[in-house]
Amino acid sequence: MKVYLLWHTHELTDDFGTHDEEKLIGVFSSAEKANDTIKRYKNLEGFRDYPLNCFMIDEYEMDKPTNWKEGFFTVRWTE
């Protein structure tokens, strides 16, 4: 079984510098349902200020790991 995660991502500059701001909008049972949600959200306040390609759909197979199979490490920024 597959699921589809719908994200809205855009670059944001604030007091912490420039970084990506990501919002998980939802998890859907089909790409069609995720796309229907994009159609509803694209004209809402905030979302309408960014291009349509800020919406992204990621497809995942249920019950199967996708990332981090070899662990992870954290990079710490210092000034």
Protein backbone atom coordinates (compact mmCIF):
# COMPACT_ATOMS: atom_id res chain seq x y z
CA MET A 1 0.00 0.00 0.00
CA LYS A 2 1.25 3.47 -0.85
CA VAL A 3 0.64 6.80 0.86
CA TYR A 4 1.22 10.29 -0.48
CA LEU A 5 2.56 13.09 1.70
CA LEU A 6 1.67 16.59 0.55
CA TRP A 7 4.16 19.31 1.51
CA HIS A 8 4.36 23.03 0.97
CA THR A 9 7.97 24.28 0.99
CA HIS A 10 9.44 27.70 0.34
CA GLU A 11 12.55 29.66 1.20
CA LEU A 12 12.22 31.94 4.19
CA THR A 13 14.57 34.62 5.48
CA ASP A 14 14.17 35.56 9.13
CA ASP A 15 16.26 36.35 12.22
CA PHE A 16 17.94 32.93 11.91
CA GLY A 17 19.02 33.45 8.28
CA THR A 18 17.68 31.88 5.10
CA HIS A 19 16.19 28.39 5.30
CA ASP A 20 13.40 26.26 3.91
CA GLU A 21 10.05 26.47 5.63
CA GLU A 22 8.17 23.19 5.25
CA LYS A 23 4.56 22.49 6.09
CA LEU A 24 3.13 18.96 5.98
CA ILE A 25 -0.39 19.49 4.69
CA GLY A 26 -1.53 15.88 4.89
CA VAL A 27 -1.09 12.19 4.17
CA PHE A 28 -3.32 10.82 1.42
CA SER A 29 -4.29 7.41 0.08
CA SER A 30 -3.83 8.48 -3.54
CA ALA A 31 -1.92 11.03 -5.60
CA GLU A 32 -5.27 12.18 -6.98
CA LYS A 33 -6.51 13.14 -3.50
CA ALA A 34 -3.26 14.99 -2.81
CA ASN A 35 -3.60 16.88 -6.11
CA ASP A 36 -7.23 17.74 -5.33
CA THR A 37 -6.01 19.26 -2.06
CA ILE A 38 -3.44 21.36 -3.93
CA LYS A 39 -6.27 22.72 -6.08
CA ARG A 40 -8.15 23.78 -2.92
CA TYR A 41 -5.12 25.18 -1.09
CA LYS A 42 -3.35 27.07 -3.89
CA ASN A 43 -5.66 30.11 -3.55
CA LEU A 44 -5.71 30.27 0.25
CA GLU A 45 -3.99 33.05 2.17
CA GLY A 46 -0.24 32.50 2.36
CA PHE A 47 -0.17 29.65 -0.15
CA ARG A 48 -1.27 31.93 -2.99
CA ASP A 49 1.83 34.09 -2.44
CA TYR A 50 4.12 31.30 -3.69
CA PRO A 51 4.42 29.45 -7.00
CA LEU A 52 2.52 26.21 -7.50
CA ASN A 53 5.79 24.24 -7.54
CA CYS A 54 6.13 24.89 -3.80
CA PHE A 55 3.63 22.05 -3.36
CA MET A 56 5.33 18.66 -3.40
CA ILE A 57 3.94 15.15 -3.20
CA ASP A 58 6.16 12.37 -1.84
CA GLU A 59 5.13 8.76 -2.43
CA TYR A 60 5.94 6.16 0.24
CA GLU A 61 5.36 2.44 0.51
CA MET A 62 3.74 1.56 3.85
CA ASP A 63 5.74 -0.50 6.35
CA LYS A 64 9.02 -0.13 4.44
CA PRO A 65 11.88 2.08 5.66
CA THR A 66 13.02 4.63 3.11
CA ASN A 67 15.88 6.54 4.71
CA TRP A 68 18.34 6.44 7.57
CA LYS A 69 19.21 2.77 6.99
CA GLU A 70 22.80 3.45 8.06
CA GLY A 71 21.99 5.89 10.86
CA PHE A 72 22.55 9.66 10.88
CA PHE A 73 24.78 12.41 12.24
CA THR A 74 24.09 16.00 13.19
CA VAL A 75 26.02 18.93 11.76
CA ARG A 76 26.25 21.79 14.21
CA TRP A 77 26.82 25.32 12.90
CA THR A 78 29.03 27.63 14.87
CA GLU A 79 30.00 31.22 14.30
